[in-house]
PDB file of N, CA and C in Angstrom:
ATOM      1  N   MET A   1       0.867  -1.380   0.096  1.00  0.00           N
ATOM      2  CA  MET A   1       0.166  -0.048  -0.046  1.00  0.00           C
ATOM      3  C   MET A   1       0.831   1.205   0.286  1.00  0.00           C
ATOM      4  N   ILE A   2       0.706   1.997  -0.720  1.00  0.00           N
ATOM      5  CA  ILE A   2       1.277   3.345  -0.762  1.00  0.00           C
ATOM      6  C   ILE A   2       0.239   4.348  -0.146  1.00  0.00           C
ATOM      7  N   LEU A   3       0.726   5.080   0.480  1.00  0.00           N
ATOM      8  CA  LEU A   3       0.126   6.123   1.407  1.00  0.00           C
ATOM      9  C   LEU A   3       0.670   7.470   0.949  1.00  0.00           C
ATOM     10  N   THR A   4       0.021   8.531   0.659  1.00  0.00           N
ATOM     11  CA  THR A   4       0.426   9.918   0.244  1.00  0.00           C
ATOM     12  C   THR A   4      -0.211  10.780   1.091  1.00  0.00           C
ATOM     13  N   LEU A   5       0.630  11.812   1.446  1.00  0.00           N
ATOM     14  CA  LEU A   5       0.338  12.735   2.369  1.00  0.00           C
ATOM     15  C   LEU A   5       0.310  14.169   1.522  1.00  0.00           C
ATOM     16  N   ASN A   6      -0.777  14.988   1.704  1.00  0.00           N
ATOM     17  CA  ASN A   6      -0.529  16.318   0.983  1.00  0.00           C
ATOM     18  C   ASN A   6      -0.729  17.500   2.279  1.00  0.00           C
ATOM     19  N   ILE A   7       0.445  17.991   2.179  1.00  0.00           N
ATOM     20  CA  ILE A   7       0.895  19.061   3.183  1.00  0.00           C
ATOM     21  C   ILE A   7       0.912  20.267   2.302  1.00  0.00           C
ATOM     22  N   PRO A   8       0.386  21.457   2.507  1.00  0.00           N
ATOM     23  CA  PRO A   8       0.376  22.849   2.170  1.00  0.00           C
ATOM     24  C   PRO A   8       1.817  23.134   2.327  1.00  0.00           C
ATOM     25  N   ASN A   9       2.396  23.780   1.160  1.00  0.00           N
ATOM     26  CA  ASN A   9       3.761  23.796   0.974  1.00  0.00           C
ATOM     27  C   ASN A   9       4.486  24.892   1.940  1.00  0.00           C
ATOM     28  N   ASP A  10       3.471  26.011   2.669  1.00  0.00           N
ATOM     29  CA  ASP A  10       4.127  26.652   3.624  1.00  0.00           C
ATOM     30  C   ASP A  10       4.288  25.777   4.901  1.00  0.00           C
ATOM     31  N   LEU A  11       3.463  24.689   5.351  1.00  0.00           N
ATOM     32  CA  LEU A  11       3.795  23.820   6.378  1.00  0.00           C
ATOM     33  C   LEU A  11       4.947  22.863   5.951  1.00  0.00           C
ATOM     34  N   SER A  12       4.836  22.315   4.722  1.00  0.00           N
ATOM     35  CA  SER A  12       5.931  21.464   4.489  1.00  0.00           C
ATOM     36  C   SER A  12       7.353  21.985   4.891  1.00  0.00           C
ATOM     37  N   GLU A  13       7.280  23.112   4.398  1.00  0.00           N
ATOM     38  CA  GLU A  13       8.765  23.861   4.739  1.00  0.00           C
ATOM     39  C   GLU A  13       9.361  23.828   6.187  1.00  0.00           C
ATOM     40  N   ASP A  14       8.220  23.979   6.830  1.00  0.00           N
ATOM     41  CA  ASP A  14       8.434  24.205   8.453  1.00  0.00           C
ATOM     42  C   ASP A  14       8.669  22.830   8.849  1.00  0.00           C
ATOM     43  N   LEU A  15       7.909  21.794   8.428  1.00  0.00           N
ATOM     44  CA  LEU A  15       8.310  20.362   8.842  1.00  0.00           C
ATOM     45  C   LEU A  15       9.457  20.005   8.419  1.00  0.00           C
ATOM     46  N   HIS A  16       9.917  20.322   7.348  1.00  0.00           N
ATOM     47  CA  HIS A  16      11.203  19.768   6.854  1.00  0.00           C
ATOM     48  C   HIS A  16      12.266  20.214   7.461  1.00  0.00           C
ATOM     49  N   ALA A  17      12.126  21.501   7.968  1.00  0.00           N
ATOM     50  CA  ALA A  17      13.155  22.205   8.992  1.00  0.00           C
ATOM     51  C   ALA A  17      13.196  21.378  10.033  1.00  0.00           C
ATOM     52  N   LYS A  18      12.354  20.954  10.459  1.00  0.00           N
ATOM     53  CA  LYS A  18      12.297  20.198  11.877  1.00  0.00           C
ATOM     54  C   LYS A  18      12.580  18.800  11.872  1.00  0.00           C
ATOM     55  N   PHE A  19      12.076  18.055  10.772  1.00  0.00           N
ATOM     56  CA  PHE A  19      12.241  16.792  10.707  1.00  0.00           C
ATOM     57  C   PHE A  19      12.942  16.308   9.635  1.00  0.00           C
ATOM     58  N   ASP A  20      14.096  15.591   9.739  1.00  0.00           N
ATOM     59  CA  ASP A  20      14.902  15.116   8.433  1.00  0.00           C
ATOM     60  C   ASP A  20      13.907  14.317   7.290  1.00  0.00           C
ATOM     61  N   ASP A  21      13.122  13.124   7.811  1.00  0.00           N
ATOM     62  CA  ASP A  21      12.573  12.179   7.019  1.00  0.00           C
ATOM     63  C   ASP A  21      11.000  12.156   7.350  1.00  0.00           C
ATOM     64  N   LEU A  22      10.092  13.141   6.732  1.00  0.00           N
ATOM     65  CA  LEU A  22       8.824  13.222   7.027  1.00  0.00           C
ATOM     66  C   LEU A  22       7.754  11.892   6.934  1.00  0.00           C
ATOM     67  N   GLY A  23       8.559  11.098   6.026  1.00  0.00           N
ATOM     68  CA  GLY A  23       7.830  10.028   5.800  1.00  0.00           C
ATOM     69  C   GLY A  23       8.019   8.865   6.984  1.00  0.00           C
ATOM     70  N   LYS A  24       9.144   8.906   7.481  1.00  0.00           N
ATOM     71  CA  LYS A  24       9.450   7.915   8.490  1.00  0.00           C
ATOM     72  C   LYS A  24       8.963   8.276   9.868  1.00  0.00           C
ATOM     73  N   THR A  25       8.815   9.972   9.850  1.00  0.00           N
ATOM     74  CA  THR A  25       8.207  10.386  11.097  1.00  0.00           C
ATOM     75  C   THR A  25       6.792   9.903  11.202  1.00  0.00           C
ATOM     76  N   ALA A  26       5.945  10.058  10.151  1.00  0.00           N
ATOM     77  CA  ALA A  26       4.716   9.866   9.899  1.00  0.00           C
ATOM     78  C   ALA A  26       4.561   8.250  10.131  1.00  0.00           C
ATOM     79  N   MET A  27       5.278   7.548   9.530  1.00  0.00           N
ATOM     80  CA  MET A  27       4.908   5.993   9.737  1.00  0.00           C
ATOM     81  C   MET A  27       5.344   5.643  11.025  1.00  0.00           C
ATOM     82  N   GLU A  28       6.415   6.153  12.019  1.00  0.00           N
ATOM     83  CA  GLU A  28       6.612   6.031  13.160  1.00  0.00           C
ATOM     84  C   GLU A  28       5.322   6.444  14.043  1.00  0.00           C
ATOM     85  N   ALA A  29       4.835   7.383  13.758  1.00  0.00           N
ATOM     86  CA  ALA A  29       3.662   8.005  14.455  1.00  0.00           C
ATOM     87  C   ALA A  29       2.549   7.109  14.466  1.00  0.00           C
ATOM     88  N   LEU A  30       2.223   6.408  13.004  1.00  0.00           N
ATOM     89  CA  LEU A  30       1.102   5.636  12.880  1.00  0.00           C
ATOM     90  C   LEU A  30       1.494   4.438  13.451  1.00  0.00           C
ATOM     91  N   ALA A  31       2.713   3.763  13.599  1.00  0.00           N
ATOM     92  CA  ALA A  31       2.896   2.495  14.341  1.00  0.00           C
ATOM     93  C   ALA A  31       2.633   2.547  15.520  1.00  0.00           C
ATOM     94  N   ALA A  32       2.971   3.645  16.259  1.00  0.00           N
ATOM     95  CA  ALA A  32       2.976   3.939  17.673  1.00  0.00           C
ATOM     96  C   ALA A  32       1.569   4.051  18.174  1.00  0.00           C
ATOM     97  N   GLU A  33       0.617   4.724  17.554  1.00  0.00           N
ATOM     98  CA  GLU A  33      -0.902   4.751  17.534  1.00  0.00           C
ATOM     99  C   GLU A  33      -1.481   3.480  17.186  1.00  0.00           C
ATOM    100  N   ALA A  34      -1.218   2.722  16.369  1.00  0.00           N
ATOM    101  CA  ALA A  34      -1.702   1.257  16.342  1.00  0.00           C
ATOM    102  C   ALA A  34      -1.388   0.303  17.129  1.00  0.00           C
ATOM    103  N   TYR A  35      -0.138   0.482  17.726  1.00  0.00           N
ATOM    104  CA  TYR A  35       0.237  -0.627  18.893  1.00  0.00           C
ATOM    105  C   TYR A  35      -0.270  -0.240  20.209  1.00  0.00           C
ATOM    106  N   GLU A  36      -0.426   1.136  20.389  1.00  0.00           N
ATOM    107  CA  GLU A  36      -1.186   1.421  21.616  1.00  0.00           C
ATOM    108  C   GLU A  36      -2.709   0.856  21.574  1.00  0.00           C
ATOM    109  N   LYS A  37      -3.298   1.110  20.612  1.00  0.00           N
ATOM    110  CA  LYS A  37      -4.589   0.935  20.238  1.00  0.00           C
ATOM    111  C   LYS A  37      -4.848  -0.862  20.150  1.00  0.00           C
ATOM    112  N   ASP A  38      -3.883  -1.698  19.882  1.00  0.00           N
ATOM    113  CA  ASP A  38      -3.642  -2.772  20.018  1.00  0.00           C
ATOM    114  C   ASP A  38      -4.084  -3.417  18.410  1.00  0.00           C
ATOM    115  N   VAL A  39      -3.964  -2.492  17.638  1.00  0.00           N
ATOM    116  CA  VAL A  39      -3.911  -3.041  16.115  1.00  0.00           C
ATOM    117  C   VAL A  39      -2.842  -3.816  15.786  1.00  0.00           C
ATOM    118  N   LEU A  40      -1.558  -3.309  16.022  1.00  0.00           N
ATOM    119  CA  LEU A  40      -0.330  -3.991  15.678  1.00  0.00           C
ATOM    120  C   LEU A  40       0.210  -4.533  16.849  1.00  0.00           C
ATOM    121  N   SER A  41       0.966  -5.652  16.836  1.00  0.00           N
ATOM    122  CA  SER A  41       1.754  -6.402  17.716  1.00  0.00           C
ATOM    123  C   SER A  41       3.124  -5.598  17.514  1.00  0.00           C
ATOM    124  N   LEU A  42       4.098  -5.949  18.496  1.00  0.00           N
ATOM    125  CA  LEU A  42       5.155  -5.406  18.423  1.00  0.00           C
ATOM    126  C   LEU A  42       6.189  -5.846  17.129  1.00  0.00           C
ATOM    127  N   GLU A  43       5.838  -7.141  16.796  1.00  0.00           N
ATOM    128  CA  GLU A  43       6.634  -7.573  15.711  1.00  0.00           C
ATOM    129  C   GLU A  43       5.906  -6.835  14.286  1.00  0.00           C
ATOM    130  N   GLN A  44       4.806  -6.877  14.362  1.00  0.00           N
ATOM    131  CA  GLN A  44       4.201  -6.167  13.349  1.00  0.00           C
ATOM    132  C   GLN A  44       4.703  -4.761  13.175  1.00  0.00           C
ATOM    133  N   VAL A  45       5.018  -4.041  14.171  1.00  0.00           N
ATOM    134  CA  VAL A  45       5.755  -2.637  14.181  1.00  0.00           C
ATOM    135  C   VAL A  45       6.902  -2.583  13.617  1.00  0.00           C
ATOM    136  N   ARG A  46       7.800  -3.712  14.224  1.00  0.00           N
ATOM    137  CA  ARG A  46       9.093  -3.917  13.559  1.00  0.00           C
ATOM    138  C   ARG A  46       8.992  -3.999  12.064  1.00  0.00           C
ATOM    139  N   ARG A  47       8.147  -4.941  11.719  1.00  0.00           N
ATOM    140  CA  ARG A  47       7.981  -5.226  10.158  1.00  0.00           C
ATOM    141  C   ARG A  47       7.559  -4.052   9.440  1.00  0.00           C
ATOM    142  N   LEU A  48       6.666  -3.118  10.037  1.00  0.00           N
ATOM    143  CA  LEU A  48       6.042  -1.881   9.378  1.00  0.00           C
ATOM    144  C   LEU A  48       7.010  -0.982   9.083  1.00  0.00           C
ATOM    145  N   LEU A  49       8.150  -0.833  10.093  1.00  0.00           N
ATOM    146  CA  LEU A  49       9.005   0.326  10.150  1.00  0.00           C
ATOM    147  C   LEU A  49      10.409  -0.297   9.722  1.00  0.00           C
ATOM    148  N   ASN A  50      10.508  -1.563   9.261  1.00  0.00           N
ATOM    149  CA  ASN A  50      11.604  -2.177   8.544  1.00  0.00           C
ATOM    150  C   ASN A  50      12.793  -2.172   9.336  1.00  0.00           C
ATOM    151  N   LEU A  51      12.454  -2.555  10.839  1.00  0.00           N
ATOM    152  CA  LEU A  51      13.338  -2.750  11.837  1.00  0.00           C
ATOM    153  C   LEU A  51      14.132  -3.956  12.063  1.00  0.00           C
ATOM    154  N   GLU A  52      15.353  -4.160  12.448  1.00  0.00           N
ATOM    155  CA  GLU A  52      16.133  -5.556  12.662  1.00  0.00           C
ATOM    156  C   GLU A  52      15.730  -6.092  13.878  1.00  0.00           C
ATOM    157  N   SER A  53      15.362  -5.284  14.998  1.00  0.00           N
ATOM    158  CA  SER A  53      15.309  -6.035  16.219  1.00  0.00           C
ATOM    159  C   SER A  53      13.794  -5.550  16.980  1.00  0.00           C
ATOM    160  N   SER A  54      13.335  -6.383  17.554  1.00  0.00           N
ATOM    161  CA  SER A  54      12.354  -5.835  18.498  1.00  0.00           C
ATOM    162  C   SER A  54      12.722  -4.724  19.512  1.00  0.00           C
ATOM    163  N   TRP A  55      14.119  -4.426  19.780  1.00  0.00           N
ATOM    164  CA  TRP A  55      14.457  -3.616  20.540  1.00  0.00           C
ATOM    165  C   TRP A  55      14.547  -2.161  20.150  1.00  0.00           C
ATOM    166  N   GLU A  56      14.695  -2.102  18.639  1.00  0.00           N
ATOM    167  CA  GLU A  56      14.365  -0.827  17.970  1.00  0.00           C
ATOM    168  C   GLU A  56      13.177  -0.617  17.721  1.00  0.00           C
ATOM    169  N   ALA A  57      12.327  -1.417  17.881  1.00  0.00           N
ATOM    170  CA  ALA A  57      10.859  -1.260  17.820  1.00  0.00           C
ATOM    171  C   ALA A  57      10.473  -0.512  19.067  1.00  0.00           C
ATOM    172  N   LYS A  58      10.695  -1.220  20.097  1.00  0.00           N
ATOM    173  CA  LYS A  58      10.436  -0.847  21.387  1.00  0.00           C
ATOM    174  C   LYS A  58      10.856   0.912  21.536  1.00  0.00           C
ATOM    175  N   ASP A  59      12.249   1.133  20.968  1.00  0.00           N
ATOM    176  CA  ASP A  59      12.826   2.470  21.403  1.00  0.00           C
ATOM    177  C   ASP A  59      11.875   3.422  20.422  1.00  0.00           C
ATOM    178  N   VAL A  60      11.479   2.937  19.139  1.00  0.00           N
ATOM    179  CA  VAL A  60      10.509   3.884  18.580  1.00  0.00           C
ATOM    180  C   VAL A  60       9.270   4.296  19.325  1.00  0.00           C
ATOM    181  N   LEU A  61       8.849   3.010  19.878  1.00  0.00           N
ATOM    182  CA  LEU A  61       7.530   3.167  20.772  1.00  0.00           C
ATOM    183  C   LEU A  61       7.777   4.117  21.801  1.00  0.00           C
ATOM    184  N   ALA A  62       8.740   3.955  22.514  1.00  0.00           N
ATOM    185  CA  ALA A  62       9.007   4.662  23.725  1.00  0.00           C
ATOM    186  C   ALA A  62       9.172   6.308  23.333  1.00  0.00           C
ATOM    187  N   SER A  63       9.799   6.541  22.242  1.00  0.00           N
ATOM    188  CA  SER A  63      10.098   7.823  21.831  1.00  0.00           C
ATOM    189  C   SER A  63       8.510   8.574  21.542  1.00  0.00           C
ATOM    190  N   HIS A  64       7.531   7.567  21.261  1.00  0.00           N
ATOM    191  CA  HIS A  64       6.394   8.224  21.154  1.00  0.00           C
ATOM    192  C   HIS A  64       5.407   7.992  22.504  1.00  0.00           C
ATOM    193  N   LYS A  65       6.248   7.888  23.643  1.00  0.00           N
ATOM    194  CA  LYS A  65       5.385   7.966  24.950  1.00  0.00           C
ATOM    195  C   LYS A  65       4.569   6.358  25.064  1.00  0.00           C
ATOM    196  N   VAL A  66       4.620   5.382  24.093  1.00  0.00           N
ATOM    197  CA  VAL A  66       4.062   4.205  24.170  1.00  0.00           C
ATOM    198  C   VAL A  66       5.039   3.258  24.684  1.00  0.00           C
ATOM    199  N   TRP A  67       4.759   2.518  25.979  1.00  0.00           N
ATOM    200  CA  TRP A  67       5.685   1.635  26.599  1.00  0.00           C
ATOM    201  C   TRP A  67       5.170   0.379  26.046  1.00  0.00           C
ATOM    202  N   PRO A  68       5.920  -0.249  25.352  1.00  0.00           N
ATOM    203  CA  PRO A  68       5.597  -1.893  24.912  1.00  0.00           C
ATOM    204  C   PRO A  68       5.701  -2.568  26.089  1.00  0.00           C
ATOM    205  N   GLY A  69       4.795  -3.581  26.182  1.00  0.00           N
ATOM    206  CA  GLY A  69       4.799  -4.682  27.049  1.00  0.00           C
ATOM    207  C   GLY A  69       4.654  -4.497  28.496  1.00  0.00           C
ATOM    208  N   THR A  70       4.139  -3.255  28.821  1.00  0.00           N
ATOM    209  CA  THR A  70       3.859  -2.834  30.136  1.00  0.00           C
ATOM    210  C   THR A  70       2.338  -2.856  30.438  1.00  0.00           C
ATOM    211  N   THR A  71       1.969  -3.535  31.562  1.00  0.00           N
ATOM    212  CA  THR A  71       0.652  -3.707  31.975  1.00  0.00           C
ATOM    213  C   THR A  71       0.431  -3.102  33.327  1.00  0.00           C
ATOM    214  N   MET A  72      -0.647  -2.893  33.411  1.00  0.00           N
ATOM    215  CA  MET A  72      -0.662  -2.338  35.029  1.00  0.00           C
ATOM    216  C   MET A  72      -0.393  -3.319  36.038  1.00  0.00           C
ATOM    217  N   GLN A  73      -0.285  -4.671  35.754  1.00  0.00           N
ATOM    218  CA  GLN A  73      -0.082  -5.580  36.551  1.00  0.00           C
ATOM    219  C   GLN A  73       1.761  -5.684  36.540  1.00  0.00           C
ATOM    220  N   ASP A  74       2.024  -5.336  35.526  1.00  0.00           N
ATOM    221  CA  ASP A  74       3.670  -5.181  35.598  1.00  0.00           C
ATOM    222  C   ASP A  74       4.045  -4.155  36.672  1.00  0.00           C
ATOM    223  N   VAL A  75       3.155  -2.765  36.387  1.00  0.00           N
ATOM    224  CA  VAL A  75       3.488  -1.589  37.201  1.00  0.00           C
ATOM    225  C   VAL A  75       3.434  -1.804  38.766  1.00  0.00           C
ATOM    226  N   GLN A  76       2.359  -2.612  38.924  1.00  0.00           N
ATOM    227  CA  GLN A  76       2.118  -2.968  40.348  1.00  0.00           C
ATOM    228  C   GLN A  76       2.782  -3.805  41.061  1.00  0.00           C
ATOM    229  N   SER A  77       3.510  -4.883  40.144  1.00  0.00           N
ATOM    230  CA  SER A  77       4.504  -5.811  40.609  1.00  0.00           C
ATOM    231  C   SER A  77       5.591  -5.072  40.691  1.00  0.00           C
ATOM    232  N   ASP A  78       6.268  -4.288  39.930  1.00  0.00           N
ATOM    233  CA  ASP A  78       7.337  -3.679  39.986  1.00  0.00           C
ATOM    234  C   ASP A  78       7.409  -2.730  41.310  1.00  0.00           C
ATOM    235  N   LEU A  79       6.093  -2.153  41.619  1.00  0.00           N
ATOM    236  CA  LEU A  79       6.182  -1.148  42.713  1.00  0.00           C
ATOM    237  C   LEU A  79       6.069  -2.079  44.143  1.00  0.00           C
ATOM    238  N   ALA A  80       5.603  -3.115  44.181  1.00  0.00           N
ATOM    239  CA  ALA A  80       5.577  -4.152  45.116  1.00  0.00           C
ATOM    240  C   ALA A  80       7.125  -4.408  45.413  1.00  0.00           C
ATOM    241  N   THR A  81       7.866  -4.843  44.394  1.00  0.00           N
ATOM    242  CA  THR A  81       9.033  -5.096  44.431  1.00  0.00           C
ATOM    243  C   THR A  81      10.162  -3.840  44.840  1.00  0.00           C
ATOM    244  N   LEU A  82       9.918  -3.000  44.406  1.00  0.00           N
ATOM    245  CA  LEU A  82      10.430  -1.573  45.010  1.00  0.00           C
ATOM    246  C   LEU A  82      10.377  -1.509  46.359  1.00  0.00           C
ATOM    247  N   GLU A  83       9.043  -1.572  46.938  1.00  0.00           N
ATOM    248  CA  GLU A  83       8.722  -1.187  48.256  1.00  0.00           C
ATOM    249  C   GLU A  83       9.450  -2.322  49.262  1.00  0.00           C
ATOM    250  N   LYS A  84       9.465  -3.323  48.435  1.00  0.00           N
ATOM    251  CA  LYS A  84      10.151  -4.707  49.354  1.00  0.00           C
ATOM    252  C   LYS A  84      11.699  -4.674  49.598  1.00  0.00           C
ATOM    253  N   ILE A  85      12.199  -4.039  48.653  1.00  0.00           N
ATOM    254  CA  ILE A  85      13.795  -3.771  48.873  1.00  0.00           C
ATOM    255  C   ILE A  85      14.084  -2.756  49.359  1.00  0.00           C
ATOM    256  N   SER A  86      13.128  -1.564  49.587  1.00  0.00           N
ATOM    257  CA  SER A  86      13.688  -0.293  49.955  1.00  0.00           C
ATOM    258  C   SER A  86      13.281  -0.235  51.516  1.00  0.00           C
ATOM    259  N   ALA A  87      12.426  -1.261  52.051  1.00  0.00           N
ATOM    260  CA  ALA A  87      12.055  -1.078  53.358  1.00  0.00           C
ATOM    261  C   ALA A  87      13.375  -1.394  54.422  1.00  0.00           C
ATOM    262  N   PRO A  88      13.120  -0.914  55.452  1.00  0.00           N
ATOM    263  CA  PRO A  88      14.249  -0.976  56.484  1.00  0.00           C
ATOM    264  C   PRO A  88      14.320  -2.217  56.919  1.00  0.00           C
ATOM    265  N   ALA A  89      15.559  -2.920  57.092  1.00  0.00           N
ATOM    266  CA  ALA A  89      15.703  -4.225  57.423  1.00  0.00           C
ATOM    267  C   ALA A  89      15.561  -4.383  58.880  1.00  0.00           C
TER     268      ALA A  89
END
């Protein structure tokens, strides 16, 4: 599938000044949104962005404030562990 974005020329100049690769930036944003909404898996994000490893995919997602593989249960477990190890002996 080929996706085309029509950006007004004046905005295009501003965007190009800030982002080196607008296509890549747009694809990463789409991948992050799709992952966050459970449309794509981490492996699918990796493939969509043509990345070599899941670690790279996690880095991209994290840069968009999407925290891969973290559930509320994970956070609660980490908090319980932190409280346990930081409690005075």
